[in-house]
Amino acid sequence: MDSLLPCRTNDPELWFAEHSAEVERAKTLCRECPLIDGCLAGALERREPWGVWGGEVFVDGAVVARKRGRGRPRKSETAAAGGAPAAA
């Protein structure tokens, strides 16, 4: 069964990556896992502090749409989120 679980056959660090592209890769791999529903339910119950669990990203114990990188958000991300326009 372990051979069917992406988190057991790939680098475990992928599920706790800092880079958005790696996090998205982990989420994609999760979608093929036969235990995705149970994994997500367990992570929600435990309030996992971070990582990809059941195809979802957890930050501070809550599911977020996507993991934001370190540092300040890009100006384009701020504008897309309805933030104040950048000063000229």
N, C-alpha and C. Protein backbone atom coordinates (compact mmCIF):
# COMPACT_ATOMS: atom_id res chain seq x y z
N MET A 1 0.82 -1.20 0.00
CA MET A 1 0.00 0.00 0.00
C MET A 1 0.86 1.26 0.00
N ASP A 2 2.02 1.23 0.71
CA ASP A 2 2.88 2.41 0.77
C ASP A 2 3.30 2.89 -0.61
N SER A 3 3.39 1.97 -1.57
CA SER A 3 3.80 2.36 -2.92
C SER A 3 2.74 3.21 -3.62
N LEU A 4 1.51 3.23 -3.09
CA LEU A 4 0.44 4.03 -3.66
C LEU A 4 0.32 5.41 -3.01
N LEU A 5 1.09 5.65 -1.95
CA LEU A 5 0.98 6.89 -1.20
C LEU A 5 2.10 7.84 -1.62
N PRO A 6 1.75 8.94 -2.28
CA PRO A 6 2.77 9.86 -2.77
C PRO A 6 3.66 10.41 -1.66
N CYS A 7 3.12 10.59 -0.46
CA CYS A 7 3.93 11.15 0.63
C CYS A 7 4.93 10.13 1.16
N ARG A 8 4.77 8.87 0.80
CA ARG A 8 5.71 7.84 1.21
C ARG A 8 6.73 7.51 0.12
N THR A 9 6.41 7.88 -1.13
CA THR A 9 7.30 7.52 -2.23
C THR A 9 8.06 8.72 -2.79
N ASN A 10 7.76 9.91 -2.32
CA ASN A 10 8.46 11.13 -2.73
C ASN A 10 9.17 11.71 -1.51
N ASP A 11 9.99 12.73 -1.76
CA ASP A 11 10.71 13.39 -0.68
C ASP A 11 9.71 13.98 0.31
N PRO A 12 9.75 13.58 1.58
CA PRO A 12 8.79 14.10 2.57
C PRO A 12 8.85 15.62 2.73
N GLU A 13 10.00 16.21 2.46
CA GLU A 13 10.15 17.66 2.58
C GLU A 13 9.25 18.42 1.61
N LEU A 14 8.84 17.76 0.54
CA LEU A 14 7.97 18.39 -0.45
C LEU A 14 6.66 18.87 0.18
N TRP A 15 6.17 18.15 1.17
CA TRP A 15 4.90 18.49 1.82
C TRP A 15 5.04 19.61 2.84
N PHE A 16 6.26 20.06 3.06
CA PHE A 16 6.53 21.16 3.99
C PHE A 16 7.42 22.20 3.34
N ALA A 17 7.36 22.30 2.03
CA ALA A 17 8.23 23.18 1.26
C ALA A 17 7.91 24.65 1.48
N GLU A 18 8.91 25.48 1.23
CA GLU A 18 8.75 26.93 1.33
C GLU A 18 8.30 27.53 0.00
N HIS A 19 8.72 26.95 -1.10
CA HIS A 19 8.44 27.51 -2.42
C HIS A 19 7.07 27.08 -2.92
N SER A 20 6.33 28.03 -3.45
CA SER A 20 4.96 27.78 -3.91
C SER A 20 4.88 26.67 -4.96
N ALA A 21 5.84 26.62 -5.87
CA ALA A 21 5.82 25.60 -6.92
C ALA A 21 5.92 24.20 -6.32
N GLU A 22 6.73 24.04 -5.29
CA GLU A 22 6.86 22.73 -4.64
C GLU A 22 5.59 22.37 -3.87
N VAL A 23 5.00 23.36 -3.23
CA VAL A 23 3.75 23.13 -2.50
C VAL A 23 2.66 22.70 -3.48
N GLU A 24 2.58 23.35 -4.62
CA GLU A 24 1.58 22.99 -5.63
C GLU A 24 1.83 21.57 -6.16
N ARG A 25 3.10 21.19 -6.29
CA ARG A 25 3.43 19.82 -6.72
C ARG A 25 2.93 18.81 -5.69
N ALA A 26 3.14 19.10 -4.42
CA ALA A 26 2.65 18.20 -3.36
C ALA A 26 1.13 18.08 -3.42
N LYS A 27 0.44 19.20 -3.61
CA LYS A 27 -1.02 19.17 -3.71
C LYS A 27 -1.47 18.32 -4.89
N THR A 28 -0.78 18.43 -6.01
CA THR A 28 -1.11 17.64 -7.20
C THR A 28 -0.91 16.16 -6.93
N LEU A 29 0.19 15.81 -6.27
CA LEU A 29 0.45 14.40 -5.94
C LEU A 29 -0.62 13.86 -4.99
N CYS A 30 -1.08 14.68 -4.08
CA CYS A 30 -2.11 14.25 -3.13
C CYS A 30 -3.41 13.86 -3.84
N ARG A 31 -3.72 14.54 -4.92
CA ARG A 31 -4.99 14.27 -5.62
C ARG A 31 -5.06 12.84 -6.15
N GLU A 32 -3.91 12.19 -6.31
CA GLU A 32 -3.87 10.81 -6.80
C GLU A 32 -3.87 9.79 -5.67
N CYS A 33 -3.86 10.24 -4.42
CA CYS A 33 -3.72 9.36 -3.27
C CYS A 33 -5.07 8.76 -2.87
N PRO A 34 -5.10 7.45 -2.60
CA PRO A 34 -6.36 6.82 -2.19
C PRO A 34 -6.79 7.20 -0.77
N LEU A 35 -5.91 7.82 0.00
CA LEU A 35 -6.23 8.17 1.39
C LEU A 35 -6.48 9.67 1.59
N ILE A 36 -6.69 10.39 0.50
CA ILE A 36 -6.80 11.85 0.56
C ILE A 36 -7.87 12.32 1.54
N ASP A 37 -9.04 11.72 1.55
CA ASP A 37 -10.13 12.18 2.41
C ASP A 37 -9.79 11.97 3.89
N GLY A 38 -9.27 10.81 4.22
CA GLY A 38 -8.90 10.52 5.60
C GLY A 38 -7.74 11.37 6.08
N CYS A 39 -6.80 11.62 5.18
CA CYS A 39 -5.65 12.46 5.51
C CYS A 39 -6.11 13.88 5.85
N LEU A 40 -6.99 14.42 5.02
CA LEU A 40 -7.50 15.77 5.25
C LEU A 40 -8.31 15.82 6.55
N ALA A 41 -9.17 14.85 6.76
CA ALA A 41 -10.00 14.84 7.97
C ALA A 41 -9.12 14.76 9.23
N GLY A 42 -8.09 13.94 9.19
CA GLY A 42 -7.18 13.83 10.34
C GLY A 42 -6.43 15.12 10.59
N ALA A 43 -5.98 15.76 9.52
CA ALA A 43 -5.23 17.02 9.66
C ALA A 43 -6.13 18.11 10.24
N LEU A 44 -7.37 18.16 9.81
CA LEU A 44 -8.32 19.14 10.34
C LEU A 44 -8.58 18.87 11.83
N GLU A 45 -8.75 17.61 12.17
CA GLU A 45 -9.01 17.25 13.56
C GLU A 45 -7.82 17.60 14.46
N ARG A 46 -6.61 17.36 13.96
CA ARG A 46 -5.39 17.65 14.72
C ARG A 46 -4.97 19.11 14.65
N ARG A 47 -5.61 19.87 13.75
CA ARG A 47 -5.23 21.26 13.48
C ARG A 47 -3.74 21.33 13.17
N GLU A 48 -3.34 20.56 12.15
CA GLU A 48 -1.94 20.54 11.74
C GLU A 48 -1.44 21.96 11.57
N PRO A 49 -0.28 22.29 12.12
CA PRO A 49 0.19 23.67 12.06
C PRO A 49 0.66 24.12 10.68
N TRP A 50 1.18 23.22 9.86
CA TRP A 50 1.63 23.61 8.52
C TRP A 50 1.81 22.38 7.65
N GLY A 51 1.96 22.63 6.37
CA GLY A 51 2.21 21.55 5.42
C GLY A 51 1.03 21.28 4.51
N VAL A 52 1.22 20.33 3.62
CA VAL A 52 0.16 19.89 2.72
C VAL A 52 -0.38 18.58 3.26
N TRP A 53 -1.66 18.57 3.53
CA TRP A 53 -2.35 17.39 4.08
C TRP A 53 -3.65 17.20 3.30
N GLY A 54 -3.86 16.03 2.76
CA GLY A 54 -5.09 15.75 2.03
C GLY A 54 -5.31 16.70 0.87
N GLY A 55 -4.23 17.15 0.25
CA GLY A 55 -4.34 18.03 -0.91
C GLY A 55 -4.62 19.48 -0.60
N GLU A 56 -4.58 19.84 0.68
CA GLU A 56 -4.82 21.23 1.10
C GLU A 56 -3.59 21.77 1.82
N VAL A 57 -3.43 23.08 1.78
CA VAL A 57 -2.30 23.74 2.45
C VAL A 57 -2.76 24.23 3.82
N PHE A 58 -2.01 23.88 4.84
CA PHE A 58 -2.29 24.33 6.19
C PHE A 58 -1.23 25.34 6.62
N VAL A 59 -1.69 26.44 7.19
CA VAL A 59 -0.82 27.45 7.78
C VAL A 59 -1.44 27.82 9.12
N ASP A 60 -0.69 27.68 10.18
CA ASP A 60 -1.17 27.99 11.52
C ASP A 60 -2.45 27.23 11.86
N GLY A 61 -2.54 25.98 11.43
CA GLY A 61 -3.66 25.13 11.79
C GLY A 61 -4.93 25.32 10.98
N ALA A 62 -4.87 26.16 9.95
CA ALA A 62 -6.06 26.41 9.13
C ALA A 62 -5.74 26.18 7.65
N VAL A 63 -6.73 25.77 6.90
CA VAL A 63 -6.58 25.58 5.45
C VAL A 63 -6.54 26.95 4.79
N VAL A 64 -5.57 27.14 3.90
CA VAL A 64 -5.47 28.38 3.12
C VAL A 64 -5.50 28.03 1.64
N ALA A 65 -5.89 28.97 0.82
CA ALA A 65 -6.00 28.70 -0.62
C ALA A 65 -4.65 28.38 -1.23
N ARG A 66 -3.63 29.12 -0.83
CA ARG A 66 -2.29 28.84 -1.32
C ARG A 66 -1.30 29.44 -0.34
N LYS A 67 -0.14 28.86 -0.32
CA LYS A 67 0.89 29.33 0.59
C LYS A 67 1.57 30.55 0.00
N ARG A 68 1.66 31.60 0.78
CA ARG A 68 2.35 32.80 0.36
C ARG A 68 3.82 32.66 0.71
N GLY A 69 4.67 33.08 -0.18
CA GLY A 69 6.11 33.03 0.06
C GLY A 69 6.52 33.98 1.16
N ARG A 70 7.75 33.87 1.56
CA ARG A 70 8.28 34.75 2.60
C ARG A 70 8.42 36.17 2.06
N GLY A 71 8.42 37.12 2.98
CA GLY A 71 8.62 38.51 2.60
C GLY A 71 7.33 39.19 2.21
N ARG A 72 7.48 40.36 1.65
CA ARG A 72 6.33 41.15 1.23
C ARG A 72 5.71 40.55 -0.02
N PRO A 73 4.39 40.66 -0.15
CA PRO A 73 3.75 40.16 -1.37
C PRO A 73 4.13 41.05 -2.56
N ARG A 74 4.10 40.48 -3.73
CA ARG A 74 4.36 41.25 -4.95
C ARG A 74 3.27 42.30 -5.11
N LYS A 75 3.60 43.39 -5.77
CA LYS A 75 2.62 44.45 -6.00
C LYS A 75 1.42 43.92 -6.75
N SER A 76 1.63 43.02 -7.70
CA SER A 76 0.52 42.47 -8.47
C SER A 76 -0.41 41.65 -7.59
N GLU A 77 0.13 40.94 -6.57
CA GLU A 77 -0.70 40.16 -5.66
C GLU A 77 -1.54 41.08 -4.78
N THR A 78 -0.94 42.17 -4.32
CA THR A 78 -1.66 43.11 -3.48
C THR A 78 -2.81 43.75 -4.25
N ALA A 79 -2.55 44.16 -5.49
CA ALA A 79 -3.59 44.78 -6.31
C ALA A 79 -4.70 43.78 -6.62
N ALA A 80 -4.34 42.54 -6.90
CA ALA A 80 -5.34 41.52 -7.20
C ALA A 80 -6.21 41.21 -5.99
N ALA A 81 -5.64 41.36 -4.80
CA ALA A 81 -6.39 41.07 -3.58
C ALA A 81 -7.24 42.26 -3.13
N GLY A 82 -7.21 43.35 -3.92
CA GLY A 82 -8.02 44.51 -3.58
C GLY A 82 -7.31 45.48 -2.67
N GLY A 83 -5.99 45.35 -2.57
CA GLY A 83 -5.20 46.27 -1.73
C GLY A 83 -5.11 47.63 -2.39
N ALA A 84 -4.48 48.51 -1.66
CA ALA A 84 -4.31 49.87 -2.16
C ALA A 84 -3.41 49.86 -3.38
N PRO A 85 -3.64 50.72 -4.34
CA PRO A 85 -2.78 50.76 -5.52
C PRO A 85 -1.38 51.23 -5.14
N ALA A 86 -0.40 50.75 -5.87
CA ALA A 86 0.99 51.12 -5.61
C ALA A 86 1.20 52.59 -5.94
N ALA A 87 2.04 53.24 -5.13
CA ALA A 87 2.35 54.64 -5.37
C ALA A 87 3.24 54.77 -6.59
N ALA A 88 3.07 55.85 -7.33
CA ALA A 88 3.86 56.06 -8.55
C ALA A 88 5.21 56.63 -8.25
